[in-house]
Each structure stands twice: as C-alpha cells, then as structure tokens.
C-alpha cells in the first residue's frame, strides 16, 4: 500500500536528515504552490517551493512575495 502524504514527508525528511514540515508549514507551502500554479502554469508550483528552499526563505515570507507578485501581474 502506498504511503499517504504525511508518511511520505516524514520518510523523505528522514532520508534528507531534516525534520518534516509541521502541518502549518505544509498548509503554507500548498498555498504558495497554489498561487504559483494559478498565476502561471502548474509546473511553476513545485519549482517555486524549490526556489524558496534554495534561497533559504521562510515559507511564510515566500507566500507573501508570491501573493504580491500575483497581484502585481494580474
């Protein structure tokens, strides 16, 4: 039986040697991905989250930036 999302995130975080995201962090990242997907193309969603991590930006701050960019580009 395949893992559900929380199981996958815990297992993958363990493989990376980091703590898994909290429920609040997951919700923020999903909101961030949603904005990216709707303001652009669906493929922008995972890459936006990757860029956030690569830049070392907190998901909450990235969400604020994405919301502003989305509003600006509308």
PDB file of N, CA and C in Angstrom:
ATOM      1  N   UNK A   1       0.847  -1.178   0.000  1.00  0.00           N
ATOM      2  CA  UNK A   1       0.000   0.000   0.000  1.00  0.00           C
ATOM      3  C   UNK A   1       0.892   1.240   0.000  1.00  0.00           C
ATOM      4  N   UNK A   2       0.605   2.205  -0.868  1.00  0.00           N
ATOM      5  CA  UNK A   2       1.426   3.410  -0.913  1.00  0.00           C
ATOM      6  C   UNK A   2       1.272   4.242   0.365  1.00  0.00           C
ATOM      7  N   UNK A   3       2.287   5.046   0.628  1.00  0.00           N
ATOM      8  CA  UNK A   3       2.257   5.933   1.787  1.00  0.00           C
ATOM      9  C   UNK A   3       1.299   7.093   1.520  1.00  0.00           C
ATOM     10  N   UNK A   4       0.712   7.625   2.604  1.00  0.00           N
ATOM     11  CA  UNK A   4      -0.042   8.864   2.440  1.00  0.00           C
ATOM     12  C   UNK A   4       0.958  10.023   2.521  1.00  0.00           C
ATOM     13  N   UNK A   5       0.478  11.230   2.292  1.00  0.00           N
ATOM     14  CA  UNK A   5       1.373  12.389   2.235  1.00  0.00           C
ATOM     15  C   UNK A   5       2.178  12.590   3.529  1.00  0.00           C
ATOM     16  N   UNK A   6       1.540  12.556   4.707  1.00  0.00           N
ATOM     17  CA  UNK A   6       2.333  12.738   5.926  1.00  0.00           C
ATOM     18  C   UNK A   6       3.412  11.670   6.108  1.00  0.00           C
ATOM     19  N   UNK A   7       3.068  10.416   5.776  1.00  0.00           N
ATOM     20  CA  UNK A   7       4.070   9.348   5.876  1.00  0.00           C
ATOM     21  C   UNK A   7       5.233   9.613   4.919  1.00  0.00           C
ATOM     22  N   UNK A   8       4.905   9.982   3.690  1.00  0.00           N
ATOM     23  CA  UNK A   8       5.937  10.269   2.690  1.00  0.00           C
ATOM     24  C   UNK A   8       6.840  11.405   3.168  1.00  0.00           C
ATOM     25  N   UNK A   9       6.240  12.485   3.664  1.00  0.00           N
ATOM     26  CA  UNK A   9       7.033  13.639   4.097  1.00  0.00           C
ATOM     27  C   UNK A   9       7.938  13.283   5.268  1.00  0.00           C
ATOM     28  N   UNK A  10       7.436  12.493   6.210  1.00  0.00           N
ATOM     29  CA  UNK A  10       8.283  12.068   7.340  1.00  0.00           C
ATOM     30  C   UNK A  10       9.434  11.195   6.849  1.00  0.00           C
ATOM     31  N   UNK A  11       9.131  10.248   5.960  1.00  0.00           N
ATOM     32  CA  UNK A  11      10.172   9.341   5.456  1.00  0.00           C
ATOM     33  C   UNK A  11      11.200  10.091   4.621  1.00  0.00           C
ATOM     34  N   UNK A  12      10.742  10.994   3.770  1.00  0.00           N
ATOM     35  CA  UNK A  12      11.670  11.726   2.917  1.00  0.00           C
ATOM     36  C   UNK A  12      12.521  12.687   3.744  1.00  0.00           C
ATOM     37  N   UNK A  13      11.901  13.332   4.733  1.00  0.00           N
ATOM     38  CA  UNK A  13      12.656  14.216   5.623  1.00  0.00           C
ATOM     39  C   UNK A  13      13.743  13.424   6.348  1.00  0.00           C
ATOM     40  N   UNK A  14      13.417  12.227   6.795  1.00  0.00           N
ATOM     41  CA  UNK A  14      14.412  11.384   7.469  1.00  0.00           C
ATOM     42  C   UNK A  14      15.564  11.056   6.521  1.00  0.00           C
ATOM     43  N   UNK A  15      15.256  10.756   5.268  1.00  0.00           N
ATOM     44  CA  UNK A  15      16.306  10.471   4.277  1.00  0.00           C
ATOM     45  C   UNK A  15      17.202  11.691   4.057  1.00  0.00           C
ATOM     46  N   UNK A  16      16.598  12.888   4.135  1.00  0.00           N
ATOM     47  CA  UNK A  16      17.375  14.126   3.962  1.00  0.00           C
ATOM     48  C   UNK A  16      18.106  14.549   5.232  1.00  0.00           C
ATOM     49  N   UNK A  17      17.730  13.944   6.347  1.00  0.00           N
ATOM     50  CA  UNK A  17      18.350  14.307   7.623  1.00  0.00           C
ATOM     51  C   UNK A  17      17.819  15.599   8.202  1.00  0.00           C
ATOM     52  N   UNK A  18      16.547  15.899   7.930  1.00  0.00           N
ATOM     53  CA  UNK A  18      15.908  17.107   8.451  1.00  0.00           C
ATOM     54  C   UNK A  18      14.585  16.740   9.104  1.00  0.00           C
ATOM     55  N   UNK A  19      14.029  17.690   9.840  1.00  0.00           N
ATOM     56  CA  UNK A  19      12.716  17.493  10.442  1.00  0.00           C
ATOM     57  C   UNK A  19      11.645  17.639   9.358  1.00  0.00           C
ATOM     58  N   UNK A  20      10.578  16.873   9.442  1.00  0.00           N
ATOM     59  CA  UNK A  20       9.490  17.058   8.481  1.00  0.00           C
ATOM     60  C   UNK A  20       8.770  18.376   8.752  1.00  0.00           C
ATOM     61  N   UNK A  21       8.069  18.898   7.763  1.00  0.00           N
ATOM     62  CA  UNK A  21       7.348  20.153   7.982  1.00  0.00           C
ATOM     63  C   UNK A  21       6.170  19.952   8.932  1.00  0.00           C
ATOM     64  N   UNK A  22       5.850  21.008   9.650  1.00  0.00           N
ATOM     65  CA  UNK A  22       4.665  20.986  10.515  1.00  0.00           C
ATOM     66  C   UNK A  22       3.414  21.086   9.635  1.00  0.00           C
ATOM     67  N   UNK A  23       2.263  20.855  10.240  1.00  0.00           N
ATOM     68  CA  UNK A  23       1.008  20.998   9.488  1.00  0.00           C
ATOM     69  C   UNK A  23       0.871  22.414   8.949  1.00  0.00           C
ATOM     70  N   UNK A  24       1.236  23.408   9.757  1.00  0.00           N
ATOM     71  CA  UNK A  24       1.139  24.800   9.323  1.00  0.00           C
ATOM     72  C   UNK A  24       2.075  25.067   8.147  1.00  0.00           C
ATOM     73  N   UNK A  25       3.278  24.511   8.201  1.00  0.00           N
ATOM     74  CA  UNK A  25       4.219  24.691   7.090  1.00  0.00           C
ATOM     75  C   UNK A  25       3.707  24.028   5.819  1.00  0.00           C
ATOM     76  N   UNK A  26       3.102  22.867   5.961  1.00  0.00           N
ATOM     77  CA  UNK A  26       2.532  22.180   4.795  1.00  0.00           C
ATOM     78  C   UNK A  26       1.431  23.045   4.183  1.00  0.00           C
ATOM     79  N   UNK A  27       0.555  23.584   5.006  1.00  0.00           N
ATOM     80  CA  UNK A  27      -0.525  24.433   4.504  1.00  0.00           C
ATOM     81  C   UNK A  27       0.021  25.673   3.803  1.00  0.00           C
ATOM     82  N   UNK A  28       1.063  26.275   4.367  1.00  0.00           N
ATOM     83  CA  UNK A  28       1.674  27.452   3.748  1.00  0.00           C
ATOM     84  C   UNK A  28       2.307  27.101   2.411  1.00  0.00           C
ATOM     85  N   UNK A  29       3.016  25.982   2.360  1.00  0.00           N
ATOM     86  CA  UNK A  29       3.642  25.563   1.105  1.00  0.00           C
ATOM     87  C   UNK A  29       2.602  25.218   0.044  1.00  0.00           C
ATOM     88  N   UNK A  30       1.505  24.603   0.455  1.00  0.00           N
ATOM     89  CA  UNK A  30       0.442  24.311  -0.502  1.00  0.00           C
ATOM     90  C   UNK A  30      -0.194  25.589  -1.029  1.00  0.00           C
ATOM     91  N   UNK A  31      -0.359  26.585  -0.166  1.00  0.00           N
ATOM     92  CA  UNK A  31      -0.885  27.874  -0.612  1.00  0.00           C
ATOM     93  C   UNK A  31       0.088  28.543  -1.581  1.00  0.00           C
ATOM     94  N   UNK A  32       1.374  28.478  -1.265  1.00  0.00           N
ATOM     95  CA  UNK A  32       2.407  29.030  -2.143  1.00  0.00           C
ATOM     96  C   UNK A  32       2.369  28.345  -3.503  1.00  0.00           C
ATOM     97  N   UNK A  33       2.309  27.034  -3.497  1.00  0.00           N
ATOM     98  CA  UNK A  33       2.253  26.277  -4.748  1.00  0.00           C
ATOM     99  C   UNK A  33       0.995  26.618  -5.533  1.00  0.00           C
ATOM    100  N   UNK A  34      -0.111  26.792  -4.833  1.00  0.00           N
ATOM    101  CA  UNK A  34      -1.367  27.147  -5.496  1.00  0.00           C
ATOM    102  C   UNK A  34      -1.298  28.482  -6.197  1.00  0.00           C
ATOM    103  N   UNK A  35      -0.695  29.457  -5.542  1.00  0.00           N
ATOM    104  CA  UNK A  35      -0.552  30.770  -6.168  1.00  0.00           C
ATOM    105  C   UNK A  35       0.314  30.664  -7.411  1.00  0.00           C
ATOM    106  N   UNK A  36       1.429  29.976  -7.289  1.00  0.00           N
ATOM    107  CA  UNK A  36       2.335  29.828  -8.440  1.00  0.00           C
ATOM    108  C   UNK A  36       1.636  29.139  -9.600  1.00  0.00           C
ATOM    109  N   UNK A  37       0.871  28.098  -9.303  1.00  0.00           N
ATOM    110  CA  UNK A  37       0.189  27.341 -10.357  1.00  0.00           C
ATOM    111  C   UNK A  37      -0.888  28.167 -11.041  1.00  0.00           C
ATOM    112  N   UNK A  38      -1.605  28.967 -10.273  1.00  0.00           N
ATOM    113  CA  UNK A  38      -2.702  29.749 -10.847  1.00  0.00           C
ATOM    114  C   UNK A  38      -2.224  31.042 -11.506  1.00  0.00           C
ATOM    115  N   UNK A  39      -1.114  31.584 -11.045  1.00  0.00           N
ATOM    116  CA  UNK A  39      -0.588  32.819 -11.633  1.00  0.00           C
ATOM    117  C   UNK A  39       0.238  32.540 -12.882  1.00  0.00           C
ATOM    118  N   UNK A  40       0.608  31.287 -13.079  1.00  0.00           N
ATOM    119  CA  UNK A  40       1.474  30.925 -14.193  1.00  0.00           C
ATOM    120  C   UNK A  40       0.992  29.612 -14.784  1.00  0.00           C
ATOM    121  N   UNK A  41       1.803  28.593 -14.644  1.00  0.00           N
ATOM    122  CA  UNK A  41       1.467  27.244 -15.093  1.00  0.00           C
ATOM    123  C   UNK A  41       1.660  26.298 -13.921  1.00  0.00           C
ATOM    124  N   UNK A  42       1.011  25.149 -13.995  1.00  0.00           N
ATOM    125  CA  UNK A  42       1.115  24.176 -12.892  1.00  0.00           C
ATOM    126  C   UNK A  42       2.554  23.806 -12.583  1.00  0.00           C
ATOM    127  N   UNK A  43       3.389  23.738 -13.593  1.00  0.00           N
ATOM    128  CA  UNK A  43       4.778  23.342 -13.357  1.00  0.00           C
ATOM    129  C   UNK A  43       5.537  24.357 -12.511  1.00  0.00           C
ATOM    130  N   UNK A  44       5.033  25.568 -12.403  1.00  0.00           N
ATOM    131  CA  UNK A  44       5.692  26.578 -11.567  1.00  0.00           C
ATOM    132  C   UNK A  44       5.556  26.261 -10.080  1.00  0.00           C
ATOM    133  N   UNK A  45       4.549  25.484  -9.706  1.00  0.00           N
ATOM    134  CA  UNK A  45       4.281  25.221  -8.285  1.00  0.00           C
ATOM    135  C   UNK A  45       5.444  24.524  -7.573  1.00  0.00           C
ATOM    136  N   UNK A  46       5.893  23.359  -8.021  1.00  0.00           N
ATOM    137  CA  UNK A  46       6.989  22.714  -7.287  1.00  0.00           C
ATOM    138  C   UNK A  46       8.303  23.479  -7.393  1.00  0.00           C
ATOM    139  N   UNK A  47       8.522  24.117  -8.521  1.00  0.00           N
ATOM    140  CA  UNK A  47       9.782  24.863  -8.686  1.00  0.00           C
ATOM    141  C   UNK A  47       9.786  26.098  -7.787  1.00  0.00           C
ATOM    142  N   UNK A  48       8.628  26.719  -7.590  1.00  0.00           N
ATOM    143  CA  UNK A  48       8.540  27.854  -6.667  1.00  0.00           C
ATOM    144  C   UNK A  48       8.900  27.418  -5.252  1.00  0.00           C
ATOM    145  N   UNK A  49       8.412  26.275  -4.832  1.00  0.00           N
ATOM    146  CA  UNK A  49       8.757  25.759  -3.498  1.00  0.00           C
ATOM    147  C   UNK A  49      10.240  25.427  -3.420  1.00  0.00           C
ATOM    148  N   UNK A  50      10.796  24.859  -4.475  1.00  0.00           N
ATOM    149  CA  UNK A  50      12.232  24.549  -4.511  1.00  0.00           C
ATOM    150  C   UNK A  50      13.049  25.836  -4.433  1.00  0.00           C
ATOM    151  N   UNK A  51      12.650  26.857  -5.188  1.00  0.00           N
ATOM    152  CA  UNK A  51      13.370  28.130  -5.142  1.00  0.00           C
ATOM    153  C   UNK A  51      13.327  28.741  -3.745  1.00  0.00           C
ATOM    154  N   UNK A  52      12.181  28.607  -3.087  1.00  0.00           N
ATOM    155  CA  UNK A  52      12.047  29.109  -1.716  1.00  0.00           C
ATOM    156  C   UNK A  52      13.075  28.453  -0.805  1.00  0.00           C
ATOM    157  N   UNK A  53      13.169  27.142  -0.881  1.00  0.00           N
ATOM    158  CA  UNK A  53      14.137  26.416  -0.056  1.00  0.00           C
ATOM    159  C   UNK A  53      15.568  26.767  -0.448  1.00  0.00           C
ATOM    160  N   UNK A  54      15.821  26.833  -1.726  1.00  0.00           N
ATOM    161  CA  UNK A  54      17.177  27.138  -2.199  1.00  0.00           C
ATOM    162  C   UNK A  54      17.635  28.519  -1.723  1.00  0.00           C
ATOM    163  N   UNK A  55      16.694  29.457  -1.705  1.00  0.00           N
ATOM    164  CA  UNK A  55      17.018  30.818  -1.267  1.00  0.00           C
ATOM    165  C   UNK A  55      17.081  30.939   0.255  1.00  0.00           C
ATOM    166  N   UNK A  56      16.637  29.896   0.961  1.00  0.00           N
ATOM    167  CA  UNK A  56      16.636  29.948   2.417  1.00  0.00           C
ATOM    168  C   UNK A  56      15.578  30.892   2.966  1.00  0.00           C
ATOM    169  N   UNK A  57      14.509  31.078   2.205  1.00  0.00           N
ATOM    170  CA  UNK A  57      13.430  31.981   2.606  1.00  0.00           C
ATOM    171  C   UNK A  57      12.360  31.167   3.330  1.00  0.00           C
ATOM    172  N   UNK A  58      11.853  31.717   4.412  1.00  0.00           N
ATOM    173  CA  UNK A  58      10.782  31.044   5.154  1.00  0.00           C
ATOM    174  C   UNK A  58       9.544  30.939   4.265  1.00  0.00           C
ATOM    175  N   UNK A  59       8.830  29.826   4.343  1.00  0.00           N
ATOM    176  CA  UNK A  59       7.633  29.670   3.516  1.00  0.00           C
ATOM    177  C   UNK A  59       6.621  30.805   3.677  1.00  0.00           C
ATOM    178  N   UNK A  60       6.482  31.327   4.888  1.00  0.00           N
ATOM    179  CA  UNK A  60       5.539  32.428   5.119  1.00  0.00           C
ATOM    180  C   UNK A  60       5.936  33.669   4.324  1.00  0.00           C
ATOM    181  N   UNK A  61       7.217  33.966   4.299  1.00  0.00           N
ATOM    182  CA  UNK A  61       7.711  35.124   3.543  1.00  0.00           C
ATOM    183  C   UNK A  61       7.555  34.880   2.048  1.00  0.00           C
ATOM    184  N   UNK A  62       7.850  33.672   1.607  1.00  0.00           N
ATOM    185  CA  UNK A  62       7.693  33.338   0.194  1.00  0.00           C
ATOM    186  C   UNK A  62       6.233  33.483  -0.229  1.00  0.00           C
ATOM    187  N   UNK A  63       5.312  33.083   0.646  1.00  0.00           N
ATOM    188  CA  UNK A  63       3.892  33.219   0.350  1.00  0.00           C
ATOM    189  C   UNK A  63       3.529  34.691   0.181  1.00  0.00           C
ATOM    190  N   UNK A  64       4.038  35.540   1.062  1.00  0.00           N
ATOM    191  CA  UNK A  64       3.792  36.980   0.945  1.00  0.00           C
ATOM    192  C   UNK A  64       4.310  37.514  -0.392  1.00  0.00           C
ATOM    193  N   UNK A  65       5.525  37.113  -0.753  1.00  0.00           N
ATOM    194  CA  UNK A  65       6.117  37.567  -2.017  1.00  0.00           C
ATOM    195  C   UNK A  65       5.296  37.076  -3.209  1.00  0.00           C
ATOM    196  N   UNK A  66       4.868  35.829  -3.160  1.00  0.00           N
ATOM    197  CA  UNK A  66       4.078  35.270  -4.261  1.00  0.00           C
ATOM    198  C   UNK A  66       2.730  35.970  -4.369  1.00  0.00           C
ATOM    199  N   UNK A  67       2.105  36.266  -3.242  1.00  0.00           N
ATOM    200  CA  UNK A  67       0.835  36.963  -3.268  1.00  0.00           C
ATOM    201  C   UNK A  67       0.996  38.347  -3.892  1.00  0.00           C
ATOM    202  N   UNK A  68       2.067  39.035  -3.521  1.00  0.00           N
ATOM    203  CA  UNK A  68       2.319  40.360  -4.087  1.00  0.00           C
ATOM    204  C   UNK A  68       2.601  40.269  -5.578  1.00  0.00           C
ATOM    205  N   UNK A  69       3.402  39.313  -5.985  1.00  0.00           N
ATOM    206  CA  UNK A  69       3.730  39.144  -7.400  1.00  0.00           C
ATOM    207  C   UNK A  69       2.473  38.784  -8.192  1.00  0.00           C
ATOM    208  N   UNK A  70       1.651  37.928  -7.644  1.00  0.00           N
ATOM    209  CA  UNK A  70       0.412  37.524  -8.298  1.00  0.00           C
ATOM    210  C   UNK A  70      -0.527  38.697  -8.482  1.00  0.00           C
ATOM    211  N   UNK A  71      -0.637  39.528  -7.453  1.00  0.00           N
ATOM    212  CA  UNK A  71      -1.492  40.718  -7.515  1.00  0.00           C
ATOM    213  C   UNK A  71      -0.937  41.719  -8.531  1.00  0.00           C
ATOM    214  N   UNK A  72       0.366  41.884  -8.527  1.00  0.00           N
ATOM    215  CA  UNK A  72       1.030  42.817  -9.430  1.00  0.00           C
ATOM    216  C   UNK A  72       0.874  42.403 -10.881  1.00  0.00           C
ATOM    217  N   UNK A  73       0.964  41.095 -11.142  1.00  0.00           N
ATOM    218  CA  UNK A  73       0.939  40.604 -12.515  1.00  0.00           C
ATOM    219  C   UNK A  73      -0.476  40.415 -13.052  1.00  0.00           C
ATOM    220  N   UNK A  74      -1.486  40.581 -12.207  1.00  0.00           N
ATOM    221  CA  UNK A  74      -2.878  40.388 -12.661  1.00  0.00           C
ATOM    222  C   UNK A  74      -3.356  41.556 -13.490  1.00  0.00           C
TER     223      UNK A  74
END
